[in-house]
Amino acid sequence: MDVAGFIFGRHPLPVLTAAPANAKWVKVRSRESAPAVHAELAARDGVLKARRAKMPYRAGQHYIVTYAPGDQSVVRKDLFERTYTSCGDARYIKNPKLIFRYFVLARDAVIVTLEGNERADAGDWIVEGVAGELHPVSPARGAQLYAPV
């Protein structure tokens, strides 16, 4: 801890590699009304500078997913193809038959995702993907994308 942290009581954020044992899971599925995303298979290696993290990607191994202008993420190819269905023109929707689950984060933390570490804020939904991977989603986006099962 640095001097400012000692004086003002700031502590490093906890790092979550898995859900806490006391996590209260909620089952959800993608809303059929959820907006389509734009996605392209990476043509070259690079790093995406997103709001919550810097995410490296590899050509042919990751999709760059655009949820809205200025809101992008990196998703591993195998997981993307298990989760999304093509609508044509590089647009995709999340398969509404898949069941996901999430818990609400009690305090700010760093979530270890498959694409790198992402900062998450207290109140964020920590969603478990199709392969057990975790990723943070804001409550507003979660309510827009998911419906209770």
N, C-alpha and C. Protein backbone atom coordinates (compact mmCIF):
# COMPACT_ATOMS: atom_id res chain seq x y z
N MET A 1 0.85 -1.17 0.00
CA MET A 1 0.00 0.00 0.00
C MET A 1 0.90 1.23 0.00
N ASP A 2 0.50 2.25 -0.78
CA ASP A 2 1.28 3.48 -0.81
C ASP A 2 0.90 4.36 0.39
N VAL A 3 1.61 5.49 0.56
CA VAL A 3 1.36 6.37 1.70
C VAL A 3 -0.06 6.92 1.66
N ALA A 4 -0.53 7.36 0.47
CA ALA A 4 -1.90 7.89 0.36
C ALA A 4 -2.91 6.82 0.75
N GLY A 5 -2.67 5.61 0.33
CA GLY A 5 -3.58 4.52 0.69
C GLY A 5 -3.61 4.29 2.19
N PHE A 6 -2.43 4.39 2.82
CA PHE A 6 -2.36 4.21 4.27
C PHE A 6 -3.11 5.33 4.98
N ILE A 7 -2.90 6.58 4.53
CA ILE A 7 -3.52 7.73 5.19
C ILE A 7 -5.03 7.78 4.95
N PHE A 8 -5.46 7.57 3.71
CA PHE A 8 -6.86 7.73 3.35
C PHE A 8 -7.66 6.43 3.36
N GLY A 9 -7.02 5.34 3.68
CA GLY A 9 -7.72 4.08 3.81
C GLY A 9 -8.04 3.37 2.51
N ARG A 10 -7.40 3.75 1.40
CA ARG A 10 -7.65 3.07 0.13
C ARG A 10 -6.88 1.75 0.11
N HIS A 11 -7.56 0.74 -0.34
CA HIS A 11 -6.94 -0.57 -0.43
C HIS A 11 -7.03 -1.05 -1.87
N PRO A 12 -6.09 -1.88 -2.28
CA PRO A 12 -6.19 -2.41 -3.65
C PRO A 12 -7.49 -3.20 -3.81
N LEU A 13 -8.00 -3.20 -5.04
CA LEU A 13 -9.24 -3.93 -5.30
C LEU A 13 -9.02 -5.43 -5.19
N PRO A 14 -10.00 -6.15 -4.65
CA PRO A 14 -9.90 -7.61 -4.65
C PRO A 14 -9.96 -8.13 -6.09
N VAL A 15 -9.31 -9.24 -6.32
CA VAL A 15 -9.29 -9.87 -7.64
C VAL A 15 -10.09 -11.16 -7.55
N LEU A 16 -11.13 -11.27 -8.42
CA LEU A 16 -11.97 -12.47 -8.42
C LEU A 16 -11.65 -13.33 -9.63
N THR A 17 -11.26 -14.57 -9.36
CA THR A 17 -11.04 -15.54 -10.42
C THR A 17 -12.22 -16.51 -10.50
N ALA A 18 -13.06 -16.48 -9.48
CA ALA A 18 -14.26 -17.33 -9.41
C ALA A 18 -15.28 -16.62 -8.54
N ALA A 19 -16.50 -17.09 -8.61
CA ALA A 19 -17.56 -16.50 -7.78
C ALA A 19 -17.28 -16.80 -6.31
N PRO A 20 -17.64 -15.87 -5.42
CA PRO A 20 -17.51 -16.17 -3.99
C PRO A 20 -18.42 -17.33 -3.60
N ALA A 21 -18.06 -18.04 -2.57
CA ALA A 21 -18.85 -19.20 -2.13
C ALA A 21 -20.27 -18.81 -1.77
N ASN A 22 -20.47 -17.57 -1.31
CA ASN A 22 -21.80 -17.15 -0.88
C ASN A 22 -22.57 -16.40 -1.97
N ALA A 23 -22.11 -16.49 -3.22
CA ALA A 23 -22.78 -15.78 -4.32
C ALA A 23 -24.22 -16.25 -4.45
N LYS A 24 -25.13 -15.30 -4.62
CA LYS A 24 -26.56 -15.61 -4.83
C LYS A 24 -26.82 -15.53 -6.33
N TRP A 25 -26.85 -16.67 -6.97
CA TRP A 25 -26.98 -16.74 -8.42
C TRP A 25 -28.43 -16.52 -8.86
N VAL A 26 -28.59 -15.83 -9.97
CA VAL A 26 -29.89 -15.61 -10.60
C VAL A 26 -29.79 -16.16 -12.02
N LYS A 27 -30.72 -17.02 -12.41
CA LYS A 27 -30.72 -17.58 -13.76
C LYS A 27 -31.44 -16.65 -14.73
N VAL A 28 -30.84 -16.46 -15.90
CA VAL A 28 -31.41 -15.58 -16.93
C VAL A 28 -31.15 -16.18 -18.31
N ARG A 29 -31.86 -15.64 -19.29
CA ARG A 29 -31.59 -15.97 -20.69
C ARG A 29 -31.62 -14.66 -21.46
N SER A 30 -31.06 -14.69 -22.66
CA SER A 30 -31.03 -13.50 -23.49
C SER A 30 -32.47 -13.11 -23.87
N ARG A 31 -32.76 -11.83 -23.81
CA ARG A 31 -34.08 -11.34 -24.23
C ARG A 31 -34.17 -11.44 -25.75
N GLU A 32 -35.31 -11.90 -26.25
CA GLU A 32 -35.50 -11.95 -27.70
C GLU A 32 -35.50 -10.55 -28.29
N SER A 33 -35.80 -9.56 -27.48
CA SER A 33 -35.81 -8.17 -27.95
C SER A 33 -34.44 -7.49 -27.81
N ALA A 34 -33.44 -8.22 -27.32
CA ALA A 34 -32.11 -7.62 -27.14
C ALA A 34 -31.56 -7.17 -28.49
N PRO A 35 -30.90 -6.03 -28.53
CA PRO A 35 -30.37 -5.54 -29.81
C PRO A 35 -29.27 -6.45 -30.34
N ALA A 36 -29.18 -6.51 -31.67
CA ALA A 36 -28.10 -7.28 -32.30
C ALA A 36 -26.78 -6.55 -32.07
N VAL A 37 -25.70 -7.31 -32.05
CA VAL A 37 -24.37 -6.74 -31.94
C VAL A 37 -23.68 -6.85 -33.29
N HIS A 38 -22.67 -6.05 -33.50
CA HIS A 38 -21.84 -6.15 -34.69
C HIS A 38 -20.57 -6.88 -34.26
N ALA A 39 -20.14 -7.87 -35.02
CA ALA A 39 -18.93 -8.61 -34.64
C ALA A 39 -18.16 -9.02 -35.88
N GLU A 40 -16.84 -8.98 -35.75
CA GLU A 40 -15.95 -9.41 -36.83
C GLU A 40 -14.82 -10.21 -36.23
N LEU A 41 -14.46 -11.28 -36.93
CA LEU A 41 -13.31 -12.07 -36.53
C LEU A 41 -12.06 -11.22 -36.73
N ALA A 42 -11.21 -11.16 -35.74
CA ALA A 42 -10.00 -10.33 -35.83
C ALA A 42 -9.15 -10.77 -37.01
N ALA A 43 -8.74 -9.80 -37.81
CA ALA A 43 -7.91 -10.07 -38.99
C ALA A 43 -6.43 -9.96 -38.67
N ARG A 44 -6.11 -9.36 -37.53
CA ARG A 44 -4.71 -9.21 -37.13
C ARG A 44 -4.66 -9.21 -35.60
N ASP A 45 -3.49 -9.37 -35.04
CA ASP A 45 -3.31 -9.29 -33.60
C ASP A 45 -3.38 -7.83 -33.16
N GLY A 46 -3.83 -7.60 -31.94
CA GLY A 46 -3.88 -6.24 -31.43
C GLY A 46 -4.37 -6.19 -30.00
N VAL A 47 -4.63 -4.99 -29.54
CA VAL A 47 -5.16 -4.76 -28.20
C VAL A 47 -6.32 -3.78 -28.31
N LEU A 48 -7.45 -4.16 -27.76
CA LEU A 48 -8.64 -3.31 -27.73
C LEU A 48 -8.63 -2.55 -26.41
N LYS A 49 -8.70 -1.24 -26.48
CA LYS A 49 -8.76 -0.41 -25.28
C LYS A 49 -10.22 -0.11 -24.99
N ALA A 50 -10.80 -0.91 -24.11
CA ALA A 50 -12.21 -0.76 -23.75
C ALA A 50 -12.33 0.06 -22.47
N ARG A 51 -13.55 0.39 -22.11
CA ARG A 51 -13.79 1.21 -20.91
C ARG A 51 -13.28 0.53 -19.64
N ARG A 52 -13.46 -0.76 -19.54
CA ARG A 52 -13.11 -1.47 -18.32
C ARG A 52 -11.73 -2.13 -18.34
N ALA A 53 -11.12 -2.25 -19.53
CA ALA A 53 -9.88 -3.01 -19.61
C ALA A 53 -9.20 -2.83 -20.96
N LYS A 54 -7.95 -3.27 -21.02
CA LYS A 54 -7.25 -3.44 -22.28
C LYS A 54 -7.27 -4.94 -22.57
N MET A 55 -7.81 -5.31 -23.74
CA MET A 55 -8.01 -6.71 -24.06
C MET A 55 -7.21 -7.10 -25.31
N PRO A 56 -6.23 -7.97 -25.15
CA PRO A 56 -5.50 -8.43 -26.34
C PRO A 56 -6.36 -9.37 -27.17
N TYR A 57 -6.15 -9.35 -28.48
CA TYR A 57 -6.84 -10.28 -29.36
C TYR A 57 -5.88 -10.80 -30.42
N ARG A 58 -6.22 -11.98 -30.94
CA ARG A 58 -5.36 -12.63 -31.94
C ARG A 58 -6.15 -12.89 -33.20
N ALA A 59 -5.46 -12.73 -34.32
CA ALA A 59 -6.08 -12.96 -35.63
C ALA A 59 -6.65 -14.36 -35.70
N GLY A 60 -7.92 -14.45 -36.13
CA GLY A 60 -8.58 -15.74 -36.31
C GLY A 60 -8.98 -16.44 -35.03
N GLN A 61 -8.64 -15.88 -33.86
CA GLN A 61 -8.93 -16.53 -32.59
C GLN A 61 -9.94 -15.78 -31.72
N HIS A 62 -10.17 -14.51 -32.05
CA HIS A 62 -11.09 -13.69 -31.27
C HIS A 62 -12.00 -12.89 -32.18
N TYR A 63 -13.20 -12.63 -31.68
CA TYR A 63 -14.12 -11.69 -32.34
C TYR A 63 -14.01 -10.36 -31.61
N ILE A 64 -14.08 -9.27 -32.37
CA ILE A 64 -14.24 -7.94 -31.80
C ILE A 64 -15.73 -7.64 -31.89
N VAL A 65 -16.36 -7.46 -30.74
CA VAL A 65 -17.81 -7.29 -30.66
C VAL A 65 -18.12 -5.84 -30.30
N THR A 66 -18.98 -5.22 -31.09
CA THR A 66 -19.42 -3.85 -30.83
C THR A 66 -20.88 -3.89 -30.40
N TYR A 67 -21.11 -3.49 -29.14
CA TYR A 67 -22.46 -3.48 -28.58
C TYR A 67 -23.17 -2.17 -28.92
N ALA A 68 -22.42 -1.08 -28.90
CA ALA A 68 -22.92 0.26 -29.21
C ALA A 68 -21.69 1.09 -29.55
N PRO A 69 -21.85 2.25 -30.17
CA PRO A 69 -20.68 3.08 -30.48
C PRO A 69 -19.85 3.34 -29.21
N GLY A 70 -18.57 3.03 -29.29
CA GLY A 70 -17.67 3.22 -28.15
C GLY A 70 -17.73 2.13 -27.11
N ASP A 71 -18.51 1.10 -27.33
CA ASP A 71 -18.66 0.00 -26.36
C ASP A 71 -18.33 -1.30 -27.06
N GLN A 72 -17.10 -1.75 -26.88
CA GLN A 72 -16.63 -2.97 -27.55
C GLN A 72 -16.01 -3.92 -26.56
N SER A 73 -15.87 -5.17 -27.01
CA SER A 73 -15.25 -6.20 -26.20
C SER A 73 -14.59 -7.22 -27.12
N VAL A 74 -13.79 -8.07 -26.54
CA VAL A 74 -13.14 -9.17 -27.25
C VAL A 74 -13.73 -10.46 -26.72
N VAL A 75 -14.10 -11.38 -27.62
CA VAL A 75 -14.67 -12.67 -27.21
C VAL A 75 -13.94 -13.76 -27.98
N ARG A 76 -13.51 -14.76 -27.23
CA ARG A 76 -12.83 -15.90 -27.87
C ARG A 76 -13.74 -16.54 -28.91
N LYS A 77 -13.18 -16.92 -30.05
CA LYS A 77 -13.95 -17.42 -31.20
C LYS A 77 -14.87 -18.58 -30.82
N ASP A 78 -14.37 -19.58 -30.13
CA ASP A 78 -15.19 -20.74 -29.81
C ASP A 78 -16.38 -20.37 -28.92
N LEU A 79 -16.18 -19.47 -27.98
CA LEU A 79 -17.28 -19.06 -27.10
C LEU A 79 -18.27 -18.18 -27.85
N PHE A 80 -17.78 -17.29 -28.71
CA PHE A 80 -18.67 -16.45 -29.49
C PHE A 80 -19.58 -17.31 -30.35
N GLU A 81 -19.00 -18.31 -31.02
CA GLU A 81 -19.78 -19.15 -31.94
C GLU A 81 -20.75 -20.06 -31.20
N ARG A 82 -20.51 -20.36 -29.93
CA ARG A 82 -21.45 -21.14 -29.12
C ARG A 82 -22.58 -20.28 -28.58
N THR A 83 -22.35 -18.98 -28.51
CA THR A 83 -23.27 -18.07 -27.84
C THR A 83 -24.15 -17.27 -28.80
N TYR A 84 -23.61 -16.91 -29.96
CA TYR A 84 -24.31 -16.00 -30.88
C TYR A 84 -24.75 -16.69 -32.15
N THR A 85 -25.81 -16.14 -32.77
CA THR A 85 -26.36 -16.61 -34.04
C THR A 85 -26.32 -15.44 -35.02
N SER A 86 -25.91 -15.72 -36.25
CA SER A 86 -25.78 -14.67 -37.26
C SER A 86 -27.15 -14.18 -37.74
N CYS A 87 -27.25 -12.86 -37.93
CA CYS A 87 -28.41 -12.22 -38.56
C CYS A 87 -28.04 -11.73 -39.95
N GLY A 88 -26.81 -11.94 -40.37
CA GLY A 88 -26.31 -11.41 -41.64
C GLY A 88 -25.65 -10.06 -41.44
N ASP A 89 -24.86 -9.64 -42.43
CA ASP A 89 -24.18 -8.34 -42.39
C ASP A 89 -23.37 -8.12 -41.12
N ALA A 90 -22.67 -9.15 -40.64
CA ALA A 90 -21.82 -9.08 -39.44
C ALA A 90 -22.61 -8.70 -38.19
N ARG A 91 -23.94 -8.94 -38.18
CA ARG A 91 -24.78 -8.70 -37.01
C ARG A 91 -25.14 -10.04 -36.39
N TYR A 92 -25.20 -10.08 -35.08
CA TYR A 92 -25.45 -11.32 -34.35
C TYR A 92 -26.37 -11.05 -33.17
N ILE A 93 -27.14 -12.08 -32.79
CA ILE A 93 -27.92 -12.02 -31.56
C ILE A 93 -27.50 -13.18 -30.67
N LYS A 94 -27.61 -12.95 -29.37
CA LYS A 94 -27.29 -14.00 -28.41
C LYS A 94 -28.42 -15.02 -28.43
N ASN A 95 -28.08 -16.28 -28.44
CA ASN A 95 -29.06 -17.36 -28.51
C ASN A 95 -29.98 -17.32 -27.28
N PRO A 96 -31.29 -17.06 -27.47
CA PRO A 96 -32.20 -16.96 -26.33
C PRO A 96 -32.50 -18.30 -25.65
N LYS A 97 -32.06 -19.40 -26.23
CA LYS A 97 -32.28 -20.71 -25.60
C LYS A 97 -31.23 -21.01 -24.53
N LEU A 98 -30.11 -20.30 -24.56
CA LEU A 98 -29.05 -20.54 -23.58
C LEU A 98 -29.43 -19.95 -22.23
N ILE A 99 -29.11 -20.68 -21.17
CA ILE A 99 -29.35 -20.20 -19.81
C ILE A 99 -28.01 -19.72 -19.25
N PHE A 100 -28.02 -18.50 -18.71
CA PHE A 100 -26.85 -17.93 -18.05
C PHE A 100 -27.21 -17.72 -16.59
N ARG A 101 -26.25 -17.35 -15.82
CA ARG A 101 -26.53 -16.95 -14.45
C ARG A 101 -25.57 -15.84 -14.06
N TYR A 102 -26.00 -15.06 -13.06
CA TYR A 102 -25.17 -13.96 -12.59
C TYR A 102 -25.36 -13.79 -11.09
N PHE A 103 -24.39 -13.10 -10.48
CA PHE A 103 -24.55 -12.63 -9.12
C PHE A 103 -24.20 -11.15 -9.12
N VAL A 104 -24.67 -10.43 -8.12
CA VAL A 104 -24.41 -9.00 -8.02
C VAL A 104 -23.18 -8.78 -7.15
N LEU A 105 -22.26 -8.00 -7.68
CA LEU A 105 -21.01 -7.72 -6.99
C LEU A 105 -21.24 -6.78 -5.81
N ALA A 106 -20.76 -7.15 -4.64
CA ALA A 106 -20.98 -6.37 -3.43
C ALA A 106 -20.08 -5.14 -3.35
N ARG A 107 -18.88 -5.21 -3.92
CA ARG A 107 -17.96 -4.07 -3.88
C ARG A 107 -17.09 -4.07 -5.13
N ASP A 108 -16.47 -2.95 -5.41
CA ASP A 108 -15.59 -2.86 -6.57
C ASP A 108 -14.57 -3.99 -6.53
N ALA A 109 -14.24 -4.51 -7.71
CA ALA A 109 -13.27 -5.60 -7.79
C ALA A 109 -12.69 -5.66 -9.20
N VAL A 110 -11.67 -6.46 -9.35
CA VAL A 110 -11.12 -6.80 -10.66
C VAL A 110 -11.55 -8.23 -10.95
N ILE A 111 -12.18 -8.43 -12.11
CA ILE A 111 -12.64 -9.75 -12.51
C ILE A 111 -11.66 -10.31 -13.52
N VAL A 112 -11.15 -11.50 -13.27
CA VAL A 112 -10.25 -12.15 -14.20
C VAL A 112 -11.11 -12.83 -15.26
N THR A 113 -11.07 -12.31 -16.49
CA THR A 113 -11.84 -12.88 -17.59
C THR A 113 -10.90 -13.63 -18.52
N LEU A 114 -11.44 -14.33 -19.49
CA LEU A 114 -10.61 -15.04 -20.46
C LEU A 114 -9.81 -14.07 -21.32
N GLU A 115 -10.29 -12.84 -21.45
CA GLU A 115 -9.63 -11.87 -22.30
C GLU A 115 -8.72 -10.92 -21.53
N GLY A 116 -8.67 -11.04 -20.23
CA GLY A 116 -7.85 -10.16 -19.41
C GLY A 116 -8.62 -9.71 -18.19
N ASN A 117 -7.99 -8.89 -17.37
CA ASN A 117 -8.61 -8.39 -16.15
C ASN A 117 -9.50 -7.20 -16.48
N GLU A 118 -10.72 -7.21 -15.92
CA GLU A 118 -11.66 -6.11 -16.13
C GLU A 118 -12.09 -5.55 -14.78
N ARG A 119 -12.12 -4.24 -14.69
CA ARG A 119 -12.62 -3.60 -13.48
C ARG A 119 -14.14 -3.73 -13.45
N ALA A 120 -14.67 -4.02 -12.28
CA ALA A 120 -16.12 -4.09 -12.09
C ALA A 120 -16.47 -3.24 -10.87
N ASP A 121 -17.63 -2.61 -10.96
CA ASP A 121 -18.09 -1.74 -9.88
C ASP A 121 -19.11 -2.46 -9.00
N ALA A 122 -19.19 -2.02 -7.76
CA ALA A 122 -20.20 -2.57 -6.85
C ALA A 122 -21.57 -2.42 -7.53
N GLY A 123 -22.37 -3.47 -7.49
CA GLY A 123 -23.68 -3.47 -8.12
C GLY A 123 -23.69 -4.07 -9.51
N ASP A 124 -22.51 -4.21 -10.14
CA ASP A 124 -22.46 -4.85 -11.45
C ASP A 124 -22.90 -6.30 -11.35
N TRP A 125 -23.44 -6.78 -12.45
CA TRP A 125 -23.75 -8.20 -12.56
C TRP A 125 -22.48 -8.89 -13.03
N ILE A 126 -22.14 -9.99 -12.39
CA ILE A 126 -21.02 -10.80 -12.84
C ILE A 126 -21.65 -12.04 -13.47
N VAL A 127 -21.63 -12.05 -14.80
CA VAL A 127 -22.33 -13.08 -15.58
C VAL A 127 -21.38 -14.23 -15.86
N GLU A 128 -21.90 -15.44 -15.72
CA GLU A 128 -21.15 -16.65 -16.05
C GLU A 128 -21.53 -17.06 -17.47
N GLY A 129 -20.54 -17.18 -18.34
CA GLY A 129 -20.77 -17.54 -19.73
C GLY A 129 -20.90 -19.04 -19.94
N VAL A 130 -20.94 -19.45 -21.21
CA VAL A 130 -21.21 -20.83 -21.58
C VAL A 130 -20.12 -21.81 -21.16
N ALA A 131 -18.92 -21.32 -20.89
CA ALA A 131 -17.83 -22.20 -20.47
C ALA A 131 -17.43 -21.94 -19.01
N GLY A 132 -18.31 -21.27 -18.25
CA GLY A 132 -18.01 -20.98 -16.85
C GLY A 132 -17.18 -19.73 -16.65
N GLU A 133 -16.87 -19.02 -17.75
CA GLU A 133 -16.08 -17.79 -17.64
C GLU A 133 -16.94 -16.67 -17.05
N LEU A 134 -16.30 -15.75 -16.37
CA LEU A 134 -16.99 -14.63 -15.75
C LEU A 134 -16.70 -13.34 -16.51
N HIS A 135 -17.69 -12.45 -16.54
CA HIS A 135 -17.45 -11.11 -17.08
C HIS A 135 -18.46 -10.15 -16.47
N PRO A 136 -18.02 -8.90 -16.20
CA PRO A 136 -18.92 -7.91 -15.60
C PRO A 136 -19.83 -7.26 -16.62
N VAL A 137 -21.05 -6.96 -16.18
CA VAL A 137 -22.05 -6.27 -17.00
C VAL A 137 -22.73 -5.26 -16.09
N SER A 138 -22.91 -4.04 -16.58
CA SER A 138 -23.59 -3.04 -15.75
C SER A 138 -25.03 -3.49 -15.53
N PRO A 139 -25.65 -3.09 -14.42
CA PRO A 139 -27.04 -3.49 -14.17
C PRO A 139 -27.99 -3.02 -15.28
N ALA A 140 -27.76 -1.83 -15.81
CA ALA A 140 -28.64 -1.32 -16.89
C ALA A 140 -28.53 -2.20 -18.13
N ARG A 141 -27.31 -2.54 -18.50
CA ARG A 141 -27.12 -3.40 -19.68
C ARG A 141 -27.66 -4.80 -19.38
N GLY A 142 -27.43 -5.32 -18.20
CA GLY A 142 -27.93 -6.64 -17.86
C GLY A 142 -29.45 -6.71 -17.98
N ALA A 143 -30.15 -5.69 -17.49
CA ALA A 143 -31.62 -5.66 -17.57
C ALA A 143 -32.08 -5.55 -19.02
N GLN A 144 -31.28 -4.88 -19.87
CA GLN A 144 -31.64 -4.74 -21.29
C GLN A 144 -31.42 -6.05 -22.03
N LEU A 145 -30.37 -6.79 -21.66
CA LEU A 145 -29.99 -7.99 -22.42
C LEU A 145 -30.62 -9.28 -21.92
N TYR A 146 -30.91 -9.37 -20.62
CA TYR A 146 -31.32 -10.64 -20.04
C TYR A 146 -32.70 -10.56 -19.40
N ALA A 147 -33.41 -11.69 -19.43
CA ALA A 147 -34.71 -11.83 -18.78
C ALA A 147 -34.63 -12.99 -17.79
N PRO A 148 -35.33 -12.89 -16.67
CA PRO A 148 -35.33 -14.00 -15.70
C PRO A 148 -35.85 -15.28 -16.36
N VAL A 149 -35.32 -16.40 -15.88
CA VAL A 149 -35.78 -17.71 -16.37
C VAL A 149 -36.97 -18.12 -15.55
